[in-house]
Amino acid sequence: MIIHCMTEELWNKRKDEKEWGDEEIEVEGFIHCSTVEYFWRVAESHFNNLIRPLVLLCIDESKLKSEVRYEDGDNCGRYYPHIYGLVNNDAVIKVLPFLKDKDGNYIKNAEFKDIDNK
């Protein structure tokens, strides 16, 4: 399973579509995702300061029709999944809230409690 974070508002627009991701692909060339183990690193640097409600899309890679490549684009020694193509919504197996503490920092969802941060 890989995770993609987006605003709740955007998810509500996309959740009934067959597939989505054209906008991300046009800007980045792929759709950024993370493994659960590394998501705390991404959350800290990209999402903690956002005010709008966010959701975490849990995506089953085996159900994706598009290619997933694990890449270390920042040469940090960690490989993050990038989806090269649209996301078919039947690959989204769960949608979770992006939880924050009182200071606005990401809190790991209970569903991920048995997965260690790396």
PDB file of N, CA and C in Angstrom:
ATOM      1  N   MET A   1       0.828  -1.179   0.000  1.00  0.00           N
ATOM      2  CA  MET A   1       0.000   0.000   0.000  1.00  0.00           C
ATOM      3  C   MET A   1       0.875   1.247   0.000  1.00  0.00           C
ATOM      4  N   ILE A   2       0.466   2.225  -0.785  1.00  0.00           N
ATOM      5  CA  ILE A   2       1.134   3.515  -0.809  1.00  0.00           C
ATOM      6  C   ILE A   2       0.097   4.592  -0.466  1.00  0.00           C
ATOM      7  N   ILE A   3       0.582   5.770  -0.093  1.00  0.00           N
ATOM      8  CA  ILE A   3      -0.294   6.851   0.351  1.00  0.00           C
ATOM      9  C   ILE A   3      -0.129   8.065  -0.552  1.00  0.00           C
ATOM     10  N   HIS A   4      -1.258   8.692  -0.847  1.00  0.00           N
ATOM     11  CA  HIS A   4      -1.255   9.983  -1.532  1.00  0.00           C
ATOM     12  C   HIS A   4      -2.115  10.933  -0.704  1.00  0.00           C
ATOM     13  N   CYS A   5      -1.605  12.118  -0.434  1.00  0.00           N
ATOM     14  CA  CYS A   5      -2.315  13.106   0.370  1.00  0.00           C
ATOM     15  C   CYS A   5      -2.890  14.185  -0.536  1.00  0.00           C
ATOM     16  N   MET A   6      -4.131  14.587  -0.237  1.00  0.00           N
ATOM     17  CA  MET A   6      -4.754  15.689  -0.975  1.00  0.00           C
ATOM     18  C   MET A   6      -5.783  16.355  -0.062  1.00  0.00           C
ATOM     19  N   THR A   7      -6.270  17.509  -0.500  1.00  0.00           N
ATOM     20  CA  THR A   7      -7.296  18.166   0.300  1.00  0.00           C
ATOM     21  C   THR A   7      -8.575  17.343   0.263  1.00  0.00           C
ATOM     22  N   GLU A   8      -9.308  17.414   1.328  1.00  0.00           N
ATOM     23  CA  GLU A   8     -10.586  16.724   1.396  1.00  0.00           C
ATOM     24  C   GLU A   8     -11.526  17.249   0.309  1.00  0.00           C
ATOM     25  N   GLU A   9     -11.458  18.538   0.056  1.00  0.00           N
ATOM     26  CA  GLU A   9     -12.297  19.157  -0.978  1.00  0.00           C
ATOM     27  C   GLU A   9     -12.012  18.552  -2.351  1.00  0.00           C
ATOM     28  N   LEU A  10     -10.733  18.392  -2.681  1.00  0.00           N
ATOM     29  CA  LEU A  10     -10.377  17.811  -3.972  1.00  0.00           C
ATOM     30  C   LEU A  10     -10.821  16.347  -4.042  1.00  0.00           C
ATOM     31  N   TRP A  11     -10.628  15.587  -2.957  1.00  0.00           N
ATOM     32  CA  TRP A  11     -11.055  14.200  -2.951  1.00  0.00           C
ATOM     33  C   TRP A  11     -12.568  14.098  -3.171  1.00  0.00           C
ATOM     34  N   ASN A  12     -13.309  14.975  -2.543  1.00  0.00           N
ATOM     35  CA  ASN A  12     -14.765  14.949  -2.720  1.00  0.00           C
ATOM     36  C   ASN A  12     -15.171  15.187  -4.171  1.00  0.00           C
ATOM     37  N   LYS A  13     -14.358  15.924  -4.908  1.00  0.00           N
ATOM     38  CA  LYS A  13     -14.614  16.136  -6.342  1.00  0.00           C
ATOM     39  C   LYS A  13     -14.219  14.910  -7.160  1.00  0.00           C
ATOM     40  N   ARG A  14     -13.200  14.201  -6.707  1.00  0.00           N
ATOM     41  CA  ARG A  14     -12.636  13.096  -7.495  1.00  0.00           C
ATOM     42  C   ARG A  14     -13.158  11.711  -7.132  1.00  0.00           C
ATOM     43  N   LYS A  15     -13.743  11.562  -5.973  1.00  0.00           N
ATOM     44  CA  LYS A  15     -14.052  10.218  -5.471  1.00  0.00           C
ATOM     45  C   LYS A  15     -15.040   9.436  -6.327  1.00  0.00           C
ATOM     46  N   ASP A  16     -15.837  10.112  -7.107  1.00  0.00           N
ATOM     47  CA  ASP A  16     -16.796   9.415  -7.964  1.00  0.00           C
ATOM     48  C   ASP A  16     -16.323   9.287  -9.411  1.00  0.00           C
ATOM     49  N   GLU A  17     -15.126   9.788  -9.686  1.00  0.00           N
ATOM     50  CA  GLU A  17     -14.558   9.655 -11.034  1.00  0.00           C
ATOM     51  C   GLU A  17     -13.956   8.260 -11.199  1.00  0.00           C
ATOM     52  N   LYS A  18     -13.862   7.837 -12.426  1.00  0.00           N
ATOM     53  CA  LYS A  18     -13.246   6.537 -12.707  1.00  0.00           C
ATOM     54  C   LYS A  18     -11.733   6.601 -12.444  1.00  0.00           C
ATOM     55  N   GLU A  19     -11.115   7.711 -12.842  1.00  0.00           N
ATOM     56  CA  GLU A  19      -9.680   7.901 -12.634  1.00  0.00           C
ATOM     57  C   GLU A  19      -9.379   9.385 -12.528  1.00  0.00           C
ATOM     58  N   TRP A  20      -8.205   9.706 -11.992  1.00  0.00           N
ATOM     59  CA  TRP A  20      -7.818  11.097 -11.795  1.00  0.00           C
ATOM     60  C   TRP A  20      -6.292  11.217 -11.787  1.00  0.00           C
ATOM     61  N   GLY A  21      -5.816  12.451 -11.823  1.00  0.00           N
ATOM     62  CA  GLY A  21      -4.381  12.711 -11.736  1.00  0.00           C
ATOM     63  C   GLY A  21      -3.815  13.541 -12.864  1.00  0.00           C
ATOM     64  N   ASP A  22      -4.648  13.923 -13.843  1.00  0.00           N
ATOM     65  CA  ASP A  22      -4.146  14.688 -14.996  1.00  0.00           C
ATOM     66  C   ASP A  22      -3.397  15.946 -14.570  1.00  0.00           C
ATOM     67  N   GLU A  23      -3.952  16.664 -13.564  1.00  0.00           N
ATOM     68  CA  GLU A  23      -3.336  17.930 -13.135  1.00  0.00           C
ATOM     69  C   GLU A  23      -1.953  17.698 -12.547  1.00  0.00           C
ATOM     70  N   GLU A  24      -1.811  16.693 -11.699  1.00  0.00           N
ATOM     71  CA  GLU A  24      -0.513  16.387 -11.098  1.00  0.00           C
ATOM     72  C   GLU A  24       0.502  15.975 -12.155  1.00  0.00           C
ATOM     73  N   ILE A  25       0.045  15.155 -13.088  1.00  0.00           N
ATOM     74  CA  ILE A  25       0.945  14.682 -14.142  1.00  0.00           C
ATOM     75  C   ILE A  25       1.399  15.839 -15.027  1.00  0.00           C
ATOM     76  N   GLU A  26       0.491  16.756 -15.315  1.00  0.00           N
ATOM     77  CA  GLU A  26       0.844  17.914 -16.142  1.00  0.00           C
ATOM     78  C   GLU A  26       1.916  18.768 -15.469  1.00  0.00           C
ATOM     79  N   VAL A  27       1.841  18.916 -14.148  1.00  0.00           N
ATOM     80  CA  VAL A  27       2.797  19.752 -13.411  1.00  0.00           C
ATOM     81  C   VAL A  27       4.093  19.008 -13.109  1.00  0.00           C
ATOM     82  N   GLU A  28       3.990  17.774 -12.595  1.00  0.00           N
ATOM     83  CA  GLU A  28       5.157  17.039 -12.104  1.00  0.00           C
ATOM     84  C   GLU A  28       5.651  15.932 -13.033  1.00  0.00           C
ATOM     85  N   GLY A  29       4.772  15.452 -13.900  1.00  0.00           N
ATOM     86  CA  GLY A  29       5.130  14.327 -14.751  1.00  0.00           C
ATOM     87  C   GLY A  29       4.716  12.989 -14.155  1.00  0.00           C
ATOM     88  N   PHE A  30       4.281  12.996 -12.907  1.00  0.00           N
ATOM     89  CA  PHE A  30       3.839  11.799 -12.201  1.00  0.00           C
ATOM     90  C   PHE A  30       3.044  12.248 -10.978  1.00  0.00           C
ATOM     91  N   ILE A  31       2.533  11.299 -10.228  1.00  0.00           N
ATOM     92  CA  ILE A  31       1.788  11.589  -9.004  1.00  0.00           C
ATOM     93  C   ILE A  31       2.635  11.148  -7.817  1.00  0.00           C
ATOM     94  N   HIS A  32       2.964  12.101  -6.955  1.00  0.00           N
ATOM     95  CA  HIS A  32       3.764  11.826  -5.763  1.00  0.00           C
ATOM     96  C   HIS A  32       2.996  10.969  -4.777  1.00  0.00           C
ATOM     97  N   CYS A  33       3.670   9.979  -4.235  1.00  0.00           N
ATOM     98  CA  CYS A  33       3.109   9.156  -3.169  1.00  0.00           C
ATOM     99  C   CYS A  33       4.209   8.875  -2.155  1.00  0.00           C
ATOM    100  N   SER A  34       3.847   8.153  -1.123  1.00  0.00           N
ATOM    101  CA  SER A  34       4.797   7.765  -0.094  1.00  0.00           C
ATOM    102  C   SER A  34       4.423   6.387   0.423  1.00  0.00           C
ATOM    103  N   THR A  35       5.397   5.724   1.006  1.00  0.00           N
ATOM    104  CA  THR A  35       5.091   4.521   1.768  1.00  0.00           C
ATOM    105  C   THR A  35       4.649   4.988   3.152  1.00  0.00           C
ATOM    106  N   VAL A  36       3.996   4.136   3.893  1.00  0.00           N
ATOM    107  CA  VAL A  36       3.571   4.487   5.250  1.00  0.00           C
ATOM    108  C   VAL A  36       4.801   4.773   6.116  1.00  0.00           C
ATOM    109  N   GLU A  37       5.860   3.985   5.950  1.00  0.00           N
ATOM    110  CA  GLU A  37       7.085   4.141   6.751  1.00  0.00           C
ATOM    111  C   GLU A  37       7.711   5.521   6.614  1.00  0.00           C
ATOM    112  N   TYR A  38       7.620   6.116   5.449  1.00  0.00           N
ATOM    113  CA  TYR A  38       8.247   7.411   5.203  1.00  0.00           C
ATOM    114  C   TYR A  38       7.271   8.576   5.231  1.00  0.00           C
ATOM    115  N   PHE A  39       5.984   8.311   5.388  1.00  0.00           N
ATOM    116  CA  PHE A  39       5.030   9.410   5.265  1.00  0.00           C
ATOM    117  C   PHE A  39       5.247  10.508   6.300  1.00  0.00           C
ATOM    118  N   TRP A  40       5.653  10.173   7.498  1.00  0.00           N
ATOM    119  CA  TRP A  40       5.875  11.193   8.526  1.00  0.00           C
ATOM    120  C   TRP A  40       6.897  12.227   8.061  1.00  0.00           C
ATOM    121  N   ARG A  41       7.864  11.809   7.241  1.00  0.00           N
ATOM    122  CA  ARG A  41       8.862  12.752   6.713  1.00  0.00           C
ATOM    123  C   ARG A  41       8.220  13.702   5.701  1.00  0.00           C
ATOM    124  N   VAL A  42       7.378  13.173   4.860  1.00  0.00           N
ATOM    125  CA  VAL A  42       6.701  13.977   3.837  1.00  0.00           C
ATOM    126  C   VAL A  42       5.694  14.911   4.506  1.00  0.00           C
ATOM    127  N   ALA A  43       4.945  14.392   5.469  1.00  0.00           N
ATOM    128  CA  ALA A  43       3.925  15.185   6.159  1.00  0.00           C
ATOM    129  C   ALA A  43       4.561  16.402   6.816  1.00  0.00           C
ATOM    130  N   GLU A  44       5.673  16.171   7.472  1.00  0.00           N
ATOM    131  CA  GLU A  44       6.359  17.242   8.194  1.00  0.00           C
ATOM    132  C   GLU A  44       6.781  18.381   7.271  1.00  0.00           C
ATOM    133  N   SER A  45       7.288  18.059   6.118  1.00  0.00           N
ATOM    134  CA  SER A  45       7.822  19.097   5.233  1.00  0.00           C
ATOM    135  C   SER A  45       6.819  19.652   4.229  1.00  0.00           C
ATOM    136  N   HIS A  46       5.732  18.934   3.956  1.00  0.00           N
ATOM    137  CA  HIS A  46       4.822  19.369   2.902  1.00  0.00           C
ATOM    138  C   HIS A  46       3.407  19.710   3.343  1.00  0.00           C
ATOM    139  N   PHE A  47       2.938  19.118   4.426  1.00  0.00           N
ATOM    140  CA  PHE A  47       1.513  19.233   4.733  1.00  0.00           C
ATOM    141  C   PHE A  47       1.168  19.828   6.089  1.00  0.00           C
ATOM    142  N   ASN A  48       2.089  19.848   7.047  1.00  0.00           N
ATOM    143  CA  ASN A  48       1.734  20.296   8.395  1.00  0.00           C
ATOM    144  C   ASN A  48       1.208  21.723   8.441  1.00  0.00           C
ATOM    145  N   ASN A  49       1.657  22.596   7.565  1.00  0.00           N
ATOM    146  CA  ASN A  49       1.258  24.001   7.620  1.00  0.00           C
ATOM    147  C   ASN A  49      -0.021  24.308   6.864  1.00  0.00           C
ATOM    148  N   LEU A  50      -0.582  23.331   6.177  1.00  0.00           N
ATOM    149  CA  LEU A  50      -1.813  23.578   5.425  1.00  0.00           C
ATOM    150  C   LEU A  50      -2.999  23.623   6.373  1.00  0.00           C
ATOM    151  N   ILE A  51      -3.877  24.575   6.146  1.00  0.00           N
ATOM    152  CA  ILE A  51      -5.017  24.778   7.029  1.00  0.00           C
ATOM    153  C   ILE A  51      -6.221  23.944   6.603  1.00  0.00           C
ATOM    154  N   ARG A  52      -6.408  23.786   5.302  1.00  0.00           N
ATOM    155  CA  ARG A  52      -7.572  23.046   4.812  1.00  0.00           C
ATOM    156  C   ARG A  52      -7.492  21.578   5.237  1.00  0.00           C
ATOM    157  N   PRO A  53      -8.648  20.940   5.474  1.00  0.00           N
ATOM    158  CA  PRO A  53      -8.651  19.520   5.840  1.00  0.00           C
ATOM    159  C   PRO A  53      -8.033  18.663   4.729  1.00  0.00           C
ATOM    160  N   LEU A  54      -7.213  17.717   5.147  1.00  0.00           N
ATOM    161  CA  LEU A  54      -6.535  16.812   4.219  1.00  0.00           C
ATOM    162  C   LEU A  54      -6.980  15.383   4.471  1.00  0.00           C
ATOM    163  N   VAL A  55      -6.834  14.554   3.448  1.00  0.00           N
ATOM    164  CA  VAL A  55      -7.099  13.121   3.573  1.00  0.00           C
ATOM    165  C   VAL A  55      -5.914  12.340   3.021  1.00  0.00           C
ATOM    166  N   LEU A  56      -5.788  11.119   3.499  1.00  0.00           N
ATOM    167  CA  LEU A  56      -4.761  10.199   3.020  1.00  0.00           C
ATOM    168  C   LEU A  56      -5.455   9.113   2.217  1.00  0.00           C
ATOM    169  N   LEU A  57      -5.102   9.013   0.952  1.00  0.00           N
ATOM    170  CA  LEU A  57      -5.641   7.955   0.108  1.00  0.00           C
ATOM    171  C   LEU A  57      -4.705   6.759   0.207  1.00  0.00           C
ATOM    172  N   CYS A  58      -5.229   5.643   0.652  1.00  0.00           N
ATOM    173  CA  CYS A  58      -4.465   4.407   0.736  1.00  0.00           C
ATOM    174  C   CYS A  58      -4.700   3.649  -0.567  1.00  0.00           C
ATOM    175  N   ILE A  59      -3.634   3.482  -1.314  1.00  0.00           N
ATOM    176  CA  ILE A  59      -3.730   2.928  -2.662  1.00  0.00           C
ATOM    177  C   ILE A  59      -3.064   1.556  -2.711  1.00  0.00           C
ATOM    178  N   ASP A  60      -3.796   0.587  -3.217  1.00  0.00           N
ATOM    179  CA  ASP A  60      -3.269  -0.765  -3.413  1.00  0.00           C
ATOM    180  C   ASP A  60      -2.547  -0.785  -4.759  1.00  0.00           C
ATOM    181  N   GLU A  61      -1.217  -0.860  -4.704  1.00  0.00           N
ATOM    182  CA  GLU A  61      -0.413  -0.841  -5.939  1.00  0.00           C
ATOM    183  C   GLU A  61      -0.814  -1.941  -6.913  1.00  0.00           C
ATOM    184  N   SER A  62      -1.183  -3.086  -6.393  1.00  0.00           N
ATOM    185  CA  SER A  62      -1.506  -4.206  -7.282  1.00  0.00           C
ATOM    186  C   SER A  62      -2.782  -3.949  -8.086  1.00  0.00           C
ATOM    187  N   LYS A  63      -3.591  -3.000  -7.664  1.00  0.00           N
ATOM    188  CA  LYS A  63      -4.821  -2.677  -8.376  1.00  0.00           C
ATOM    189  C   LYS A  63      -4.667  -1.495  -9.335  1.00  0.00           C
ATOM    190  N   LEU A  64      -3.529  -0.813  -9.255  1.00  0.00           N
ATOM    191  CA  LEU A  64      -3.291   0.331 -10.146  1.00  0.00           C
ATOM    192  C   LEU A  64      -3.082  -0.134 -11.583  1.00  0.00           C
ATOM    193  N   LYS A  65      -3.647   0.603 -12.514  1.00  0.00           N
ATOM    194  CA  LYS A  65      -3.425   0.310 -13.928  1.00  0.00           C
ATOM    195  C   LYS A  65      -2.172   1.010 -14.444  1.00  0.00           C
ATOM    196  N   SER A  66      -1.746   2.068 -13.756  1.00  0.00           N
ATOM    197  CA  SER A  66      -0.559   2.827 -14.160  1.00  0.00           C
ATOM    198  C   SER A  66       0.691   2.286 -13.473  1.00  0.00           C
ATOM    199  N   GLU A  67       1.821   2.591 -14.071  1.00  0.00           N
ATOM    200  CA  GLU A  67       3.110   2.144 -13.546  1.00  0.00           C
ATOM    201  C   GLU A  67       3.506   2.923 -12.296  1.00  0.00           C
ATOM    202  N   VAL A  68       4.064   2.201 -11.314  1.00  0.00           N
ATOM    203  CA  VAL A  68       4.622   2.822 -10.118  1.00  0.00           C
ATOM    204  C   VAL A  68       6.132   2.595 -10.147  1.00  0.00           C
ATOM    205  N   ARG A  69       6.869   3.683  -9.986  1.00  0.00           N
ATOM    206  CA  ARG A  69       8.330   3.596  -9.907  1.00  0.00           C
ATOM    207  C   ARG A  69       8.780   4.147  -8.555  1.00  0.00           C
ATOM    208  N   TYR A  70       9.666   3.418  -7.892  1.00  0.00           N
ATOM    209  CA  TYR A  70      10.250   3.902  -6.644  1.00  0.00           C
ATOM    210  C   TYR A  70      11.523   4.651  -7.006  1.00  0.00           C
ATOM    211  N   GLU A  71      11.540   5.942  -6.663  1.00  0.00           N
ATOM    212  CA  GLU A  71      12.649   6.799  -7.084  1.00  0.00           C
ATOM    213  C   GLU A  71      13.153   7.651  -5.926  1.00  0.00           C
ATOM    214  N   ASP A  72      14.445   7.927  -5.963  1.00  0.00           N
ATOM    215  CA  ASP A  72      15.099   8.805  -4.989  1.00  0.00           C
ATOM    216  C   ASP A  72      15.446  10.102  -5.701  1.00  0.00           C
ATOM    217  N   GLY A  73      14.446  10.919  -5.939  1.00  0.00           N
ATOM    218  CA  GLY A  73      14.622  12.144  -6.711  1.00  0.00           C
ATOM    219  C   GLY A  73      15.473  13.191  -6.027  1.00  0.00           C
ATOM    220  N   ASP A  74      15.575  13.130  -4.692  1.00  0.00           N
ATOM    221  CA  ASP A  74      16.362  14.112  -3.938  1.00  0.00           C
ATOM    222  C   ASP A  74      17.722  13.573  -3.527  1.00  0.00           C
ATOM    223  N   ASN A  75      18.050  12.357  -3.961  1.00  0.00           N
ATOM    224  CA  ASN A  75      19.303  11.707  -3.563  1.00  0.00           C
ATOM    225  C   ASN A  75      19.462  11.676  -2.045  1.00  0.00           C
ATOM    226  N   CYS A  76      18.361  11.326  -1.352  1.00  0.00           N
ATOM    227  CA  CYS A  76      18.375  11.294   0.110  1.00  0.00           C
ATOM    228  C   CYS A  76      18.564   9.874   0.646  1.00  0.00           C
ATOM    229  N   GLY A  77      18.611   8.898  -0.261  1.00  0.00           N
ATOM    230  CA  GLY A  77      18.757   7.517   0.165  1.00  0.00           C
ATOM    231  C   GLY A  77      17.436   6.826   0.444  1.00  0.00           C
ATOM    232  N   ARG A  78      16.326   7.535   0.212  1.00  0.00           N
ATOM    233  CA  ARG A  78      14.999   6.958   0.405  1.00  0.00           C
ATOM    234  C   ARG A  78      14.270   6.972  -0.938  1.00  0.00           C
ATOM    235  N   TYR A  79      13.582   5.880  -1.209  1.00  0.00           N
ATOM    236  CA  TYR A  79      12.872   5.748  -2.482  1.00  0.00           C
ATOM    237  C   TYR A  79      11.376   5.895  -2.245  1.00  0.00           C
ATOM    238  N   TYR A  80      10.781   6.841  -2.971  1.00  0.00           N
ATOM    239  CA  TYR A  80       9.359   7.130  -2.841  1.00  0.00           C
ATOM    240  C   TYR A  80       8.630   6.672  -4.100  1.00  0.00           C
ATOM    241  N   PRO A  81       7.411   6.159  -3.933  1.00  0.00           N
ATOM    242  CA  PRO A  81       6.640   5.704  -5.095  1.00  0.00           C
ATOM    243  C   PRO A  81       6.054   6.877  -5.871  1.00  0.00           C
ATOM    244  N   HIS A  82       6.233   6.826  -7.169  1.00  0.00           N
ATOM    245  CA  HIS A  82       5.661   7.810  -8.088  1.00  0.00           C
ATOM    246  C   HIS A  82       4.795   7.062  -9.089  1.00  0.00           C
ATOM    247  N   ILE A  83       3.580   7.542  -9.268  1.00  0.00           N
ATOM    248  CA  ILE A  83       2.663   6.905 -10.206  1.00  0.00           C
ATOM    249  C   ILE A  83       2.760   7.624 -11.541  1.00  0.00           C
ATOM    250  N   TYR A  84       3.147   6.892 -12.572  1.00  0.00           N
ATOM    251  CA  TYR A  84       3.302   7.448 -13.915  1.00  0.00           C
ATOM    252  C   TYR A  84       2.063   7.139 -14.737  1.00  0.00           C
ATOM    253  N   GLY A  85       1.033   7.883 -14.464  1.00  0.00           N
ATOM    254  CA  GLY A  85      -0.243   7.713 -15.143  1.00  0.00           C
ATOM    255  C   GLY A  85      -1.366   8.017 -14.181  1.00  0.00           C
ATOM    256  N   LEU A  86      -2.566   7.863 -14.654  1.00  0.00           N
ATOM    257  CA  LEU A  86      -3.735   8.178 -13.840  1.00  0.00           C
ATOM    258  C   LEU A  86      -3.966   7.129 -12.758  1.00  0.00           C
ATOM    259  N   VAL A  87      -4.628   7.558 -11.690  1.00  0.00           N
ATOM    260  CA  VAL A  87      -5.015   6.645 -10.618  1.00  0.00           C
ATOM    261  C   VAL A  87      -6.453   6.213 -10.876  1.00  0.00           C
ATOM    262  N   ASN A  88      -6.649   4.936 -11.029  1.00  0.00           N
ATOM    263  CA  ASN A  88      -8.006   4.399 -11.136  1.00  0.00           C
ATOM    264  C   ASN A  88      -8.556   4.283  -9.712  1.00  0.00           C
ATOM    265  N   ASN A  89      -9.725   4.841  -9.503  1.00  0.00           N
ATOM    266  CA  ASN A  89     -10.276   4.929  -8.149  1.00  0.00           C
ATOM    267  C   ASN A  89     -10.545   3.587  -7.489  1.00  0.00           C
ATOM    268  N   ASP A  90     -10.685   2.525  -8.257  1.00  0.00           N
ATOM    269  CA  ASP A  90     -10.885   1.237  -7.604  1.00  0.00           C
ATOM    270  C   ASP A  90      -9.603   0.719  -6.945  1.00  0.00           C
ATOM    271  N   ALA A  91      -8.479   1.411  -7.134  1.00  0.00           N
ATOM    272  CA  ALA A  91      -7.233   1.075  -6.446  1.00  0.00           C
ATOM    273  C   ALA A  91      -7.145   1.762  -5.079  1.00  0.00           C
ATOM    274  N   VAL A  92      -8.007   2.748  -4.837  1.00  0.00           N
ATOM    275  CA  VAL A  92      -8.042   3.436  -3.548  1.00  0.00           C
ATOM    276  C   VAL A  92      -8.859   2.557  -2.598  1.00  0.00           C
ATOM    277  N   ILE A  93      -8.170   1.960  -1.631  1.00  0.00           N
ATOM    278  CA  ILE A  93      -8.837   0.985  -0.768  1.00  0.00           C
ATOM    279  C   ILE A  93      -9.343   1.585   0.545  1.00  0.00           C
ATOM    280  N   LYS A  94      -8.828   2.749   0.904  1.00  0.00           N
ATOM    281  CA  LYS A  94      -9.272   3.403   2.133  1.00  0.00           C
ATOM    282  C   LYS A  94      -8.918   4.878   2.053  1.00  0.00           C
ATOM    283  N   VAL A  95      -9.746   5.713   2.648  1.00  0.00           N
ATOM    284  CA  VAL A  95      -9.483   7.144   2.756  1.00  0.00           C
ATOM    285  C   VAL A  95      -9.522   7.490   4.239  1.00  0.00           C
ATOM    286  N   LEU A  96      -8.407   8.026   4.727  1.00  0.00           N
ATOM    287  CA  LEU A  96      -8.278   8.354   6.143  1.00  0.00           C
ATOM    288  C   LEU A  96      -8.088   9.855   6.328  1.00  0.00           C
ATOM    289  N   PRO A  97      -8.482  10.368   7.472  1.00  0.00           N
ATOM    290  CA  PRO A  97      -8.213  11.782   7.732  1.00  0.00           C
ATOM    291  C   PRO A  97      -6.731  11.993   8.003  1.00  0.00           C
ATOM    292  N   PHE A  98      -6.239  13.158   7.645  1.00  0.00           N
ATOM    293  CA  PHE A  98      -4.883  13.569   7.999  1.00  0.00           C
ATOM    294  C   PHE A  98      -5.000  14.138   9.409  1.00  0.00           C
ATOM    295  N   LEU A  99      -4.513  13.401  10.375  1.00  0.00           N
ATOM    296  CA  LEU A  99      -4.651  13.788  11.775  1.00  0.00           C
ATOM    297  C   LEU A  99      -3.521  14.723  12.194  1.00  0.00           C
ATOM    298  N   LYS A 100      -3.877  15.731  13.030  1.00  0.00           N
ATOM    299  CA  LYS A 100      -2.882  16.681  13.529  1.00  0.00           C
ATOM    300  C   LYS A 100      -3.037  16.855  15.029  1.00  0.00           C
ATOM    301  N   ASP A 101      -1.906  17.131  15.678  1.00  0.00           N
ATOM    302  CA  ASP A 101      -1.972  17.454  17.102  1.00  0.00           C
ATOM    303  C   ASP A 101      -2.326  18.935  17.265  1.00  0.00           C
ATOM    304  N   LYS A 102      -2.346  19.435  18.495  1.00  0.00           N
ATOM    305  CA  LYS A 102      -2.748  20.821  18.745  1.00  0.00           C
ATOM    306  C   LYS A 102      -1.793  21.844  18.131  1.00  0.00           C
ATOM    307  N   ASP A 103      -0.572  21.407  17.803  1.00  0.00           N
ATOM    308  CA  ASP A 103       0.408  22.297  17.175  1.00  0.00           C
ATOM    309  C   ASP A 103       0.402  22.186  15.653  1.00  0.00           C
ATOM    310  N   GLY A 104      -0.482  21.360  15.119  1.00  0.00           N
ATOM    311  CA  GLY A 104      -0.585  21.223  13.670  1.00  0.00           C
ATOM    312  C   GLY A 104       0.334  20.180  13.062  1.00  0.00           C
ATOM    313  N   ASN A 105       0.962  19.354  13.893  1.00  0.00           N
ATOM    314  CA  ASN A 105       1.871  18.321  13.394  1.00  0.00           C
ATOM    315  C   ASN A 105       1.130  17.016  13.133  1.00  0.00           C
ATOM    316  N   TYR A 106       1.540  16.325  12.088  1.00  0.00           N
ATOM    317  CA  TYR A 106       0.922  15.055  11.711  1.00  0.00           C
ATOM    318  C   TYR A 106       0.983  14.043  12.849  1.00  0.00           C
ATOM    319  N   ILE A 107      -0.134  13.348  13.039  1.00  0.00           N
ATOM    320  CA  ILE A 107      -0.221  12.234  13.977  1.00  0.00           C
ATOM    321  C   ILE A 107      -0.509  10.982  13.151  1.00  0.00           C
ATOM    322  N   LYS A 108       0.231   9.934  13.414  1.00  0.00           N
ATOM    323  CA  LYS A 108       0.036   8.685  12.679  1.00  0.00           C
ATOM    324  C   LYS A 108      -1.346   8.099  12.966  1.00  0.00           C
ATOM    325  N   ASN A 109      -2.036   7.703  11.936  1.00  0.00           N
ATOM    326  CA  ASN A 109      -3.357   7.097  12.057  1.00  0.00           C
ATOM    327  C   ASN A 109      -3.254   5.735  12.739  1.00  0.00           C
ATOM    328  N   ALA A 110      -4.273   5.388  13.499  1.00  0.00           N
ATOM    329  CA  ALA A 110      -4.301   4.112  14.216  1.00  0.00           C
ATOM    330  C   ALA A 110      -4.114   2.931  13.265  1.00  0.00           C
ATOM    331  N   GLU A 111      -4.619   3.063  12.040  1.00  0.00           N
ATOM    332  CA  GLU A 111      -4.485   1.985  11.046  1.00  0.00           C
ATOM    333  C   GLU A 111      -3.025   1.694  10.705  1.00  0.00           C
ATOM    334  N   PHE A 112      -2.130   2.640  10.990  1.00  0.00           N
ATOM    335  CA  PHE A 112      -0.712   2.489  10.662  1.00  0.00           C
ATOM    336  C   PHE A 112       0.155   2.198  11.888  1.00  0.00           C
ATOM    337  N   LYS A 113      -0.456   1.985  13.045  1.00  0.00           N
ATOM    338  CA  LYS A 113       0.296   1.886  14.297  1.00  0.00           C
ATOM    339  C   LYS A 113       1.332   0.762  14.313  1.00  0.00           C
ATOM    340  N   ASP A 114       1.086  -0.302  13.560  1.00  0.00           N
ATOM    341  CA  ASP A 114       2.021  -1.433  13.557  1.00  0.00           C
ATOM    342  C   ASP A 114       3.131  -1.297  12.519  1.00  0.00           C
ATOM    343  N   ILE A 115       3.156  -0.175  11.826  1.00  0.00           N
ATOM    344  CA  ILE A 115       4.181   0.062  10.804  1.00  0.00           C
ATOM    345  C   ILE A 115       5.163   1.094  11.348  1.00  0.00           C
ATOM    346  N   ASP A 116       6.412   0.699  11.499  1.00  0.00           N
ATOM    347  CA  ASP A 116       7.429   1.580  12.064  1.00  0.00           C
ATOM    348  C   ASP A 116       7.808   2.701  11.101  1.00  0.00           C
ATOM    349  N   ASN A 117       8.043   3.894  11.667  1.00  0.00           N
ATOM    350  CA  ASN A 117       8.588   5.000  10.886  1.00  0.00           C
ATOM    351  C   ASN A 117      10.038   4.716  10.545  1.00  0.00           C
ATOM    352  N   LYS A 118      10.451   5.140   9.365  1.00  0.00           N
ATOM    353  CA  LYS A 118      11.857   4.994   8.961  1.00  0.00           C
ATOM    354  C   LYS A 118      12.411   6.353   8.603  1.00  0.00           C
TER     355      LYS A 118
END
